[in-house]
């Protein structure tokens, strides 16, 4: 499988995450559906692209709440606090 095909498969999964979440209403089946797709993409990924694909899939998983990791949020106060 080429790098283009791997990129396309990951992009397609990212687009379909919303549908997966709605189709699988409980967290266990949603996480299982994610894992099946995740593993299928990695199975067809050539060795030299595997680390990059794993990282991209992990970031998608964190963003959608099916992988462990920290979701970065920050506060930017509009006004400075009084000294």
Protein backbone atom coordinates (compact mmCIF):
# COMPACT_ATOMS: atom_id res chain seq x y z
CA UNK A 1 0.00 0.00 0.00
CA UNK A 2 1.32 3.43 -0.91
CA UNK A 3 1.67 6.46 1.34
CA UNK A 4 -1.20 8.10 -0.56
CA UNK A 5 -3.51 5.14 0.16
CA UNK A 6 -2.60 5.16 3.86
CA UNK A 7 -3.25 8.91 4.03
CA UNK A 8 -6.60 8.43 2.30
CA UNK A 9 -7.64 5.64 4.68
CA UNK A 10 -6.75 7.72 7.75
CA UNK A 11 -8.52 10.79 6.35
CA UNK A 12 -11.61 8.70 5.58
CA UNK A 13 -11.66 7.33 9.13
CA UNK A 14 -11.38 10.83 10.56
CA UNK A 15 -14.33 12.01 8.45
CA UNK A 16 -16.39 8.97 9.50
CA UNK A 17 -15.72 9.27 13.25
CA UNK A 18 -18.86 11.34 13.73
CA UNK A 19 -20.95 8.64 12.06
CA UNK A 20 -19.25 5.90 14.09
CA UNK A 21 -20.09 7.75 17.28
CA UNK A 22 -23.76 8.04 16.32
CA UNK A 23 -24.04 4.50 15.00
CA UNK A 24 -22.55 2.95 18.15
CA UNK A 25 -24.41 4.61 20.99
CA UNK A 26 -22.63 2.94 23.90
CA UNK A 27 -18.97 3.63 24.56
CA UNK A 28 -17.88 -0.01 24.41
CA UNK A 29 -19.23 -0.66 20.91
CA UNK A 30 -17.98 2.75 19.73
CA UNK A 31 -14.47 2.06 21.04
CA UNK A 32 -14.59 -1.43 19.52
CA UNK A 33 -15.59 -0.04 16.10
CA UNK A 34 -12.71 2.44 16.37
CA UNK A 35 -10.26 -0.35 17.27
CA UNK A 36 -11.36 -2.49 14.32
CA UNK A 37 -10.83 0.38 11.88
CA UNK A 38 -7.55 1.36 13.58
CA UNK A 39 -6.18 -2.17 13.34
CA UNK A 40 -7.31 -2.57 9.72
CA UNK A 41 -5.47 0.58 8.68
CA UNK A 42 -2.31 -0.45 10.51
CA UNK A 43 -2.47 -3.95 9.00
CA UNK A 44 -2.30 -2.50 5.49
CA UNK A 45 0.35 0.10 6.33
CA UNK A 46 3.90 -0.63 5.14
CA UNK A 47 6.56 -0.83 7.85
CA UNK A 48 8.27 2.42 6.92
CA UNK A 49 4.99 4.35 7.33
CA UNK A 50 3.74 2.55 10.43
CA UNK A 51 5.06 4.91 13.13
CA UNK A 52 3.61 7.95 11.39
CA UNK A 53 0.27 6.21 10.87
CA UNK A 54 0.15 5.07 14.52
CA UNK A 55 0.75 8.64 15.70
CA UNK A 56 -1.92 10.09 13.43
CA UNK A 57 -4.44 7.45 14.46
CA UNK A 58 -3.64 8.04 18.12
CA UNK A 59 -4.24 11.79 17.78
CA UNK A 60 -7.59 11.11 16.12
CA UNK A 61 -8.47 8.64 18.88
CA UNK A 62 -7.60 11.14 21.61
CA UNK A 63 -9.62 13.84 19.88
CA UNK A 64 -12.68 11.56 19.72
CA UNK A 65 -12.28 10.10 23.22
CA UNK A 66 -11.44 6.50 22.27
CA UNK A 67 -7.70 6.60 23.05
CA UNK A 68 -5.84 7.64 26.14
CA UNK A 69 -4.12 10.97 26.06
CA UNK A 70 -4.39 14.59 27.02
CA UNK A 71 -6.71 16.90 25.15
CA UNK A 72 -5.03 20.29 25.16
CA UNK A 73 -7.17 23.23 26.15
CA UNK A 74 -6.12 26.59 27.44
CA UNK A 75 -7.54 29.76 28.84
CA UNK A 76 -6.77 33.15 27.45
CA UNK A 77 -8.25 35.74 29.81
CA UNK A 78 -9.57 38.85 28.10
CA UNK A 79 -8.51 41.06 31.01
CA UNK A 80 -5.42 40.94 33.18
CA UNK A 81 -6.03 40.02 36.79
CA UNK A 82 -5.50 42.85 39.26
CA UNK A 83 -2.08 42.78 40.92
